[in-house]
Amino acid sequence: MLEAYRGEFERISEPLVNLLVRVGLTPNMLSLTSFILAAASGILFYLSGSPDSLRFLLFAAICMALSSLLDAMDGAVARRIGEAGRKGDLLDHVLDRYADLFILCGISFGGFAPAWIGVLAITGVLLTSYMGTQAQAVGIGRYYGGILGRADRLILLLGSTIANRVYPAAVYGLPILGWVLVIFAITGHLTAIQRFIFIWRRIE
């Protein structure tokens, strides 16, 4: 859903892109730093699973927010300095998938939801991303539409992390982060199916 506001975000983030270019940070450096922060966030989610370790959730949210910001900047910086290319694109997409795995596995293994919910959430997220790039593989061009894209997931996850820190008690058997995994499990697969149908109808 937030994909529709990509142009507006790029306009607002223009000063930050200019700053990153002046500092001399390369797109690959931004992608790698974004991944490291996402991995740290996943580890912090895992560590925050016990009631006396919920303080780690705040740091997990901070790392995730910074990771998302840098991930949104690498492509813009690459285009600004004329280094947009297939190698950088490949690196960005691979690191994004590993970042998703670190975060979702951290939440699942941290005990916020049963393992089977975590598996469904992870497969739904990965299939959603796969369908987005598979559209390009069959000659249609990348398609990031659907119920819940990556930007939507990150915003929802960031908000629910803060909410879970404020209200750690279970709601109908699961903490707030556990219910977010349920949402990802359902909407992830629905979005993947939605993208598949979109691609299928446009293949000649």
Protein backbone atom coordinates (compact mmCIF):
# COMPACT_ATOMS: atom_id res chain seq x y z
CA MET A 1 0.00 0.00 0.00
CA LEU A 2 2.77 2.44 0.89
CA GLU A 3 4.38 1.73 -2.48
CA ALA A 4 2.02 4.34 -3.95
CA TYR A 5 3.85 7.02 -1.94
CA ARG A 6 7.35 6.13 -3.15
CA GLY A 7 7.65 9.32 -5.22
CA GLU A 8 6.63 11.51 -2.30
CA PHE A 9 9.11 9.78 -0.01
CA GLU A 10 11.94 10.27 -2.51
CA ARG A 11 11.15 13.99 -2.67
CA ILE A 12 11.13 14.37 1.12
CA SER A 13 14.33 12.34 1.55
CA GLU A 14 16.27 14.40 -1.00
CA PRO A 15 18.27 16.34 1.68
CA LEU A 16 19.33 13.08 3.34
CA VAL A 17 20.42 11.62 0.00
CA ASN A 18 22.52 14.73 -0.62
CA LEU A 19 24.11 14.38 2.82
CA LEU A 20 24.98 10.72 2.28
CA VAL A 21 26.56 11.54 -1.09
CA ARG A 22 28.65 14.34 0.44
CA VAL A 23 29.82 12.07 3.26
CA GLY A 24 30.99 9.57 0.65
CA LEU A 25 28.91 6.55 1.60
CA THR A 26 28.47 4.17 -1.33
CA PRO A 27 25.20 2.33 -2.09
CA ASN A 28 26.79 -1.02 -1.19
CA MET A 29 27.99 0.39 2.13
CA LEU A 30 24.44 1.52 2.88
CA SER A 31 23.01 -1.88 1.91
CA LEU A 32 25.51 -3.72 4.11
CA THR A 33 25.01 -1.40 7.08
CA SER A 34 21.25 -1.76 6.70
CA PHE A 35 21.61 -5.54 6.82
CA ILE A 36 23.87 -5.46 9.88
CA LEU A 37 21.32 -3.32 11.72
CA ALA A 38 18.50 -5.68 10.69
CA ALA A 39 20.51 -8.68 11.92
CA ALA A 40 21.13 -6.88 15.22
CA SER A 41 17.41 -6.18 15.44
CA GLY A 42 16.63 -9.87 14.95
CA ILE A 43 19.06 -10.86 17.69
CA LEU A 44 17.54 -8.26 20.02
CA PHE A 45 14.04 -9.61 19.28
CA TYR A 46 15.27 -13.07 20.24
CA LEU A 47 16.81 -11.78 23.47
CA SER A 48 13.63 -9.89 24.40
CA GLY A 49 11.48 -13.01 24.51
CA SER A 50 11.53 -13.40 28.30
CA PRO A 51 9.51 -11.03 30.53
CA ASP A 52 12.62 -9.63 32.25
CA SER A 53 14.31 -8.83 28.91
CA LEU A 54 11.65 -6.67 27.27
CA ARG A 55 14.02 -3.71 27.47
CA PHE A 56 15.71 -5.12 24.36
CA LEU A 57 12.58 -4.37 22.33
CA LEU A 58 13.32 -0.65 22.32
CA PHE A 59 16.79 -1.26 20.90
CA ALA A 60 15.33 -3.72 18.38
CA ALA A 61 12.93 -1.02 17.20
CA ILE A 62 15.74 1.54 16.88
CA CYS A 63 17.94 -0.83 14.87
CA MET A 64 15.02 -1.78 12.64
CA ALA A 65 14.09 1.85 12.00
CA LEU A 66 17.66 2.79 11.08
CA SER A 67 17.97 -0.31 8.89
CA SER A 68 14.78 0.56 7.02
CA LEU A 69 15.92 4.15 6.49
CA LEU A 70 19.29 3.14 5.05
CA ASP A 71 17.67 0.46 2.90
CA ALA A 72 15.42 3.10 1.40
CA MET A 73 18.42 5.33 0.68
CA ASP A 74 20.82 2.98 -1.12
CA GLY A 75 18.96 2.99 -4.42
CA ALA A 76 18.51 6.75 -4.38
CA VAL A 77 22.21 7.29 -3.67
CA ALA A 78 23.15 4.86 -6.46
CA ARG A 79 21.04 6.78 -8.96
CA ARG A 80 22.42 10.11 -7.75
CA ILE A 81 26.08 9.15 -8.25
CA GLY A 82 25.45 7.10 -11.39
CA GLU A 83 26.26 3.71 -9.88
CA ALA A 84 22.87 2.06 -10.26
CA GLY A 85 23.51 -1.36 -11.74
CA ARG A 86 22.64 -5.03 -11.62
CA LYS A 87 25.31 -5.99 -9.08
CA GLY A 88 24.10 -3.45 -6.56
CA ASP A 89 20.51 -4.44 -7.23
CA LEU A 90 21.34 -8.10 -6.65
CA LEU A 91 23.20 -7.35 -3.42
CA ASP A 92 20.35 -5.19 -2.15
CA HIS A 93 17.69 -7.84 -2.81
CA VAL A 94 19.72 -10.69 -1.30
CA LEU A 95 20.51 -8.70 1.85
CA ASP A 96 16.87 -7.62 2.13
CA ARG A 97 15.75 -11.25 2.21
CA TYR A 98 18.32 -12.17 4.83
CA ALA A 99 17.26 -9.10 6.83
CA ASP A 100 13.64 -10.29 6.71
CA LEU A 101 14.73 -13.74 7.90
CA PHE A 102 16.77 -12.39 10.81
CA ILE A 103 13.93 -10.21 12.07
CA LEU A 104 11.12 -12.74 11.66
CA CYS A 105 13.19 -15.62 13.05
CA GLY A 106 14.18 -13.46 16.00
CA ILE A 107 10.53 -12.77 16.82
CA SER A 108 9.50 -16.38 16.31
CA PHE A 109 12.40 -17.98 18.21
CA GLY A 110 12.03 -15.34 20.90
CA GLY A 111 8.78 -17.01 21.87
CA PHE A 112 6.31 -14.36 20.76
CA ALA A 113 4.38 -16.94 18.72
CA PRO A 114 4.36 -20.71 18.13
CA ALA A 115 6.90 -21.99 15.61
CA TRP A 116 4.26 -22.93 13.02
CA ILE A 117 2.99 -19.35 12.94
CA GLY A 118 6.56 -18.15 12.46
CA VAL A 119 7.06 -20.58 9.57
CA LEU A 120 3.89 -19.39 7.85
CA ALA A 121 4.88 -15.75 8.35
CA ILE A 122 8.39 -16.30 6.97
CA THR A 123 7.23 -18.26 3.92
CA GLY A 124 4.51 -15.70 3.23
CA VAL A 125 6.99 -12.81 3.35
CA LEU A 126 9.54 -14.61 1.17
CA LEU A 127 6.94 -15.64 -1.42
CA THR A 128 5.61 -12.08 -1.54
CA SER A 129 9.09 -10.79 -2.36
CA TYR A 130 9.72 -13.61 -4.81
CA MET A 131 6.57 -12.82 -6.77
CA GLY A 132 7.58 -9.18 -6.98
CA THR A 133 10.84 -10.00 -8.75
CA GLN A 134 9.46 -12.99 -10.67
CA ALA A 135 7.30 -10.55 -12.63
CA GLN A 136 10.51 -9.10 -14.02
CA ALA A 137 11.88 -12.56 -14.78
CA VAL A 138 8.94 -13.29 -17.10
CA GLY A 139 9.28 -9.95 -18.86
CA ILE A 140 6.58 -7.87 -17.18
CA GLY A 141 8.73 -5.72 -14.92
CA ARG A 142 8.86 -5.69 -11.16
CA TYR A 143 5.54 -5.55 -9.41
CA TYR A 144 5.31 -4.55 -5.76
CA GLY A 145 1.56 -4.09 -5.46
CA GLY A 146 -0.73 -6.07 -3.20
CA ILE A 147 -2.22 -6.04 0.26
CA LEU A 148 0.99 -5.75 2.26
CA GLY A 149 4.35 -4.81 0.75
CA ARG A 150 7.72 -4.63 2.50
CA ALA A 151 7.35 -0.99 3.53
CA ASP A 152 3.92 -1.76 5.01
CA ARG A 153 5.36 -4.69 6.96
CA LEU A 154 8.19 -2.63 8.39
CA ILE A 155 5.90 0.19 9.53
CA LEU A 156 3.50 -2.31 11.12
CA LEU A 157 6.37 -4.19 12.75
CA LEU A 158 7.93 -1.02 14.12
CA GLY A 159 4.65 0.17 15.62
CA SER A 160 3.83 -3.22 17.12
CA THR A 161 7.31 -3.52 18.64
CA ILE A 162 6.82 -0.27 20.52
CA ALA A 163 3.28 -1.31 21.48
CA ASN A 164 4.53 -4.67 22.77
CA ARG A 165 7.12 -2.87 24.89
CA VAL A 166 4.41 -0.65 26.41
CA TYR A 167 1.88 -3.48 26.81
CA PRO A 168 3.70 -6.83 27.05
CA ALA A 169 0.70 -8.87 28.26
CA ALA A 170 -0.87 -11.47 25.99
CA VAL A 171 -4.01 -10.57 24.05
CA TYR A 172 -6.16 -13.65 23.41
CA GLY A 173 -3.19 -15.93 23.95
CA LEU A 174 -0.50 -14.02 22.05
CA PRO A 175 1.51 -10.86 22.68
CA ILE A 176 1.16 -8.04 20.15
CA LEU A 177 4.23 -9.14 18.17
CA GLY A 178 2.79 -12.64 17.98
CA TRP A 179 -0.37 -11.29 16.39
CA VAL A 180 1.73 -9.35 13.91
CA LEU A 181 3.26 -12.66 12.80
CA VAL A 182 -0.27 -13.99 12.33
CA ILE A 183 -1.07 -10.96 10.17
CA PHE A 184 2.11 -11.53 8.14
CA ALA A 185 1.27 -15.22 7.74
CA ILE A 186 -2.16 -14.42 6.32
CA THR A 187 -1.50 -11.28 4.31
CA GLY A 188 1.88 -12.54 3.09
CA HIS A 189 0.37 -15.52 1.31
CA LEU A 190 -2.62 -13.50 0.13
CA THR A 191 -0.30 -10.87 -1.34
CA ALA A 192 1.79 -13.57 -3.03
CA ILE A 193 -1.36 -15.04 -4.59
CA GLN A 194 -2.55 -11.58 -5.59
CA ARG A 195 0.76 -10.87 -7.33
CA PHE A 196 0.72 -14.28 -9.02
CA ILE A 197 -2.72 -13.58 -10.48
CA PHE A 198 -1.58 -10.13 -11.66
CA ILE A 199 1.46 -11.64 -13.38
CA TRP A 200 -0.46 -14.59 -14.85
CA ARG A 201 -3.04 -12.36 -16.49
CA ARG A 202 -0.35 -10.30 -18.19
CA ILE A 203 1.70 -13.15 -19.62
CA GLU A 204 0.98 -13.51 -23.31
